[in-house]
Amino acid sequence: MRSVSATVHIPQGIHAAIAHGLHREADRFESSLFLKHGARTASLGSIVAILALGVERGAEIEILADGSDESAALVAIVGLLHELAT
């Protein structure tokens, strides 16, 4: 399992459209992907679980990946978050 930390710079934080994008991107990979915010962790396979984290702009998050393509998955998710923030 690998992980990477990031700060959310998306103006409205992680809302439904962002959660859907994260879910769709995660679905491209074999690895299991998770988003951790504080003490809570959500699977990127569940839009509702992602939304339940209540991630706002400026929040520190951790993205976790476990599987054969975990490195590529982490790069893709971090890249998507960066893209959505600009």
Protein backbone atom coordinates (compact mmCIF):
# COMPACT_ATOMS: atom_id res chain seq x y z
CA MET A 1 0.00 0.00 0.00
CA ARG A 2 1.23 3.46 -0.92
CA SER A 3 -0.09 6.87 0.02
CA VAL A 4 0.38 10.53 -0.75
CA SER A 5 -0.74 13.63 1.15
CA ALA A 6 -2.35 16.63 -0.49
CA THR A 7 -4.09 19.89 0.31
CA VAL A 8 -7.48 20.47 -1.29
CA HIS A 9 -7.44 23.72 -3.29
CA ILE A 10 -10.81 23.22 -5.00
CA PRO A 11 -12.82 26.37 -4.15
CA GLN A 12 -15.96 24.54 -2.97
CA GLY A 13 -14.11 21.56 -1.50
CA ILE A 14 -15.11 18.06 -2.54
CA HIS A 15 -18.76 18.26 -3.58
CA ALA A 16 -20.89 15.81 -5.59
CA ALA A 17 -19.41 16.57 -9.01
CA ILE A 18 -15.85 16.28 -7.69
CA ALA A 19 -16.69 13.06 -5.83
CA HIS A 20 -18.13 11.63 -9.04
CA GLY A 21 -14.97 12.56 -10.94
CA LEU A 22 -12.77 10.92 -8.29
CA HIS A 23 -14.94 7.81 -8.37
CA ARG A 24 -14.79 7.62 -12.17
CA GLU A 25 -11.00 8.11 -12.21
CA ALA A 26 -10.47 5.48 -9.49
CA ASP A 27 -12.57 3.00 -11.47
CA ARG A 28 -9.92 3.01 -14.21
CA PHE A 29 -7.46 1.18 -11.95
CA GLU A 30 -7.18 -2.30 -10.50
CA SER A 31 -5.95 -0.93 -7.17
CA SER A 32 -8.28 -0.14 -4.30
CA LEU A 33 -8.24 3.61 -3.67
CA PHE A 34 -9.17 5.47 -0.52
CA LEU A 35 -9.39 9.06 0.67
CA LYS A 36 -8.53 9.84 4.28
CA HIS A 37 -9.59 13.05 6.00
CA GLY A 38 -8.85 13.28 9.71
CA ALA A 39 -9.70 9.98 11.36
CA ARG A 40 -12.15 8.93 8.64
CA THR A 41 -11.42 6.99 5.48
CA ALA A 42 -13.66 6.52 2.43
CA SER A 43 -13.36 4.25 -0.56
CA LEU A 44 -13.17 6.12 -3.84
CA GLY A 45 -15.55 3.43 -5.04
CA SER A 46 -18.37 5.15 -3.13
CA ILE A 47 -19.49 8.67 -3.99
CA VAL A 48 -21.62 8.83 -0.84
CA ALA A 49 -18.67 7.81 1.35
CA ILE A 50 -16.48 10.47 -0.25
CA LEU A 51 -19.12 13.15 0.37
CA ALA A 52 -19.58 11.98 3.96
CA LEU A 53 -15.98 13.02 4.70
CA GLY A 54 -17.01 16.67 4.33
CA VAL A 55 -13.72 17.78 2.76
CA GLU A 56 -13.54 21.57 2.47
CA ARG A 57 -11.05 23.84 0.73
CA GLY A 58 -7.73 23.93 2.55
CA ALA A 59 -8.20 20.48 4.09
CA GLU A 60 -5.27 18.11 4.35
CA ILE A 61 -6.11 14.70 2.90
CA GLU A 62 -4.29 11.47 2.27
CA ILE A 63 -4.89 9.33 -0.81
CA LEU A 64 -4.16 5.65 -0.35
CA ALA A 65 -3.80 2.97 -3.01
CA ASP A 66 -3.34 -0.77 -2.70
CA GLY A 67 -2.79 -2.95 -5.73
CA SER A 68 -0.72 -3.70 -8.79
CA ASP A 69 -1.07 -0.24 -10.32
CA GLU A 70 -1.06 1.81 -7.11
CA SER A 71 1.65 4.24 -8.22
CA ALA A 72 -0.14 5.15 -11.44
CA ALA A 73 -3.44 5.42 -9.58
CA LEU A 74 -2.01 7.86 -7.04
CA VAL A 75 -0.49 10.01 -9.78
CA ALA A 76 -3.83 10.10 -11.61
CA ILE A 77 -5.91 11.03 -8.54
CA VAL A 78 -3.49 13.73 -7.41
CA GLY A 79 -3.37 15.05 -10.97
CA LEU A 80 -7.15 15.19 -11.14
CA LEU A 81 -7.38 17.09 -7.85
CA HIS A 82 -4.79 19.56 -9.11
CA GLU A 83 -6.61 19.97 -12.43
CA LEU A 84 -9.96 20.58 -10.71
CA ALA A 85 -8.42 23.26 -8.50
CA THR A 86 -7.32 25.42 -11.43
